[in-house]
Amino acid sequence: MNIPKTVFNGSALVHRLIFNKYGLVFFVFLIWMLFFDSKNMFVQYKLSKQIKALEQEKKEYVVKYKNVLKEKHDLNNDIEKFAREKFFMHKENEVVFILK
């Protein structure tokens, strides 16, 4: 009984896949999409970093917006207190001491 030995030859498999007409077309297409296309992987990576930075900036602006809304609410409720604290305004014949 003669049992054939099957040896996995990786280089022969790669050679057969690349030089097959379908493999060759796929390989060329893959290289084109990864490096030469207008939306290649480098551009996609750069855009994803820019999106993350813009999302972080958006979060910061949302926090600033909430603070401004709170100040606006405080201003509408007590204008005199706001003017005294923020702009150091005072009434006539009144002395203001600023402590820091």
Protein backbone atom coordinates (compact mmCIF):
# COMPACT_ATOMS: atom_id res chain seq x y z
CA MET A 1 0.00 0.00 0.00
CA ASN A 2 1.54 3.20 -1.20
CA ILE A 3 0.33 6.36 0.65
CA PRO A 4 1.20 9.61 -1.14
CA LYS A 5 2.86 12.21 1.00
CA THR A 6 1.18 15.60 0.83
CA VAL A 7 3.49 18.36 1.79
CA PHE A 8 2.16 21.85 2.32
CA ASN A 9 4.31 24.08 0.23
CA GLY A 10 3.37 27.67 1.05
CA SER A 11 5.36 29.29 -1.71
CA ALA A 12 3.73 27.08 -4.35
CA LEU A 13 0.28 27.98 -3.03
CA VAL A 14 1.06 31.71 -3.09
CA HIS A 15 2.59 31.38 -6.54
CA ARG A 16 -0.49 29.52 -7.81
CA LEU A 17 -2.89 32.13 -6.31
CA ILE A 18 -1.02 35.20 -7.53
CA PHE A 19 -0.42 33.96 -11.06
CA ASN A 20 -3.97 32.72 -11.45
CA LYS A 21 -5.85 35.29 -13.56
CA TYR A 22 -8.47 35.86 -10.86
CA GLY A 23 -5.86 36.05 -8.13
CA LEU A 24 -3.82 38.49 -10.18
CA VAL A 25 -6.84 40.74 -10.78
CA PHE A 26 -7.74 40.61 -7.09
CA PHE A 27 -4.15 41.38 -6.07
CA VAL A 28 -3.94 44.37 -8.44
CA PHE A 29 -7.34 45.60 -7.25
CA LEU A 30 -6.27 45.27 -3.60
CA ILE A 31 -3.03 47.19 -4.18
CA TRP A 32 -4.91 49.87 -6.11
CA MET A 33 -7.53 50.32 -3.36
CA LEU A 34 -4.96 50.39 -0.55
CA PHE A 35 -2.46 52.83 -2.06
CA PHE A 36 -3.54 54.58 -5.26
CA ASP A 37 -7.26 55.27 -4.93
CA SER A 38 -8.46 58.72 -3.86
CA LYS A 39 -9.92 57.12 -0.72
CA ASN A 40 -6.94 54.93 0.13
CA MET A 41 -6.13 53.67 3.60
CA PHE A 42 -3.86 56.61 4.46
CA VAL A 43 -6.60 59.11 3.66
CA GLN A 44 -9.11 57.06 5.64
CA TYR A 45 -6.78 56.95 8.64
CA LYS A 46 -6.22 60.71 8.48
CA LEU A 47 -9.96 61.34 8.20
CA SER A 48 -10.76 59.09 11.15
CA LYS A 49 -8.23 60.98 13.30
CA GLN A 50 -9.81 64.27 12.19
CA ILE A 51 -13.29 62.97 13.05
CA LYS A 52 -12.15 62.00 16.55
CA ALA A 53 -10.59 65.44 17.07
CA LEU A 54 -13.76 67.17 15.88
CA GLU A 55 -15.93 65.03 18.15
CA GLN A 56 -13.74 65.98 21.11
CA GLU A 57 -13.98 69.64 20.12
CA LYS A 58 -17.76 69.28 19.87
CA LYS A 59 -17.89 67.91 23.43
CA GLU A 60 -15.89 70.91 24.66
CA TYR A 61 -18.23 73.33 22.89
CA VAL A 62 -21.28 71.59 24.37
CA VAL A 63 -19.83 72.10 27.86
CA LYS A 64 -19.09 75.77 27.09
CA TYR A 65 -22.61 76.18 25.70
CA LYS A 66 -24.15 74.77 28.88
CA ASN A 67 -22.04 77.17 30.97
CA VAL A 68 -23.16 80.13 28.86
CA LEU A 69 -26.81 79.09 29.20
CA LYS A 70 -26.38 78.92 32.97
CA GLU A 71 -24.81 82.39 33.02
CA LYS A 72 -27.64 83.71 30.87
CA HIS A 73 -30.19 82.24 33.27
CA ASP A 74 -28.34 83.79 36.22
CA LEU A 75 -28.18 87.14 34.43
CA ASN A 76 -31.89 87.13 33.76
CA ASN A 77 -32.66 86.27 37.37
CA ASP A 78 -30.40 88.76 39.18
CA ILE A 79 -28.94 91.48 36.98
CA GLU A 80 -27.61 93.58 39.87
CA LYS A 81 -25.69 90.67 41.42
CA PHE A 82 -24.23 89.76 38.04
CA ALA A 83 -23.08 93.34 37.39
CA ARG A 84 -21.47 93.63 40.83
CA GLU A 85 -19.62 90.30 40.57
CA LYS A 86 -18.50 90.35 36.96
CA PHE A 87 -17.96 94.05 36.28
CA PHE A 88 -17.31 95.35 39.83
CA MET A 89 -20.08 97.93 39.54
CA HIS A 90 -21.27 99.74 42.63
CA LYS A 91 -23.80 102.32 43.72
CA GLU A 92 -22.95 105.94 44.47
CA ASN A 93 -21.37 106.55 47.89
CA GLU A 94 -20.47 102.89 48.14
CA VAL A 95 -16.96 101.48 48.53
CA VAL A 96 -16.11 98.12 46.97
CA PHE A 97 -13.26 95.98 48.26
CA ILE A 98 -12.00 93.30 45.87
CA LEU A 99 -10.52 90.23 47.54
CA LYS A 100 -8.76 87.58 45.53
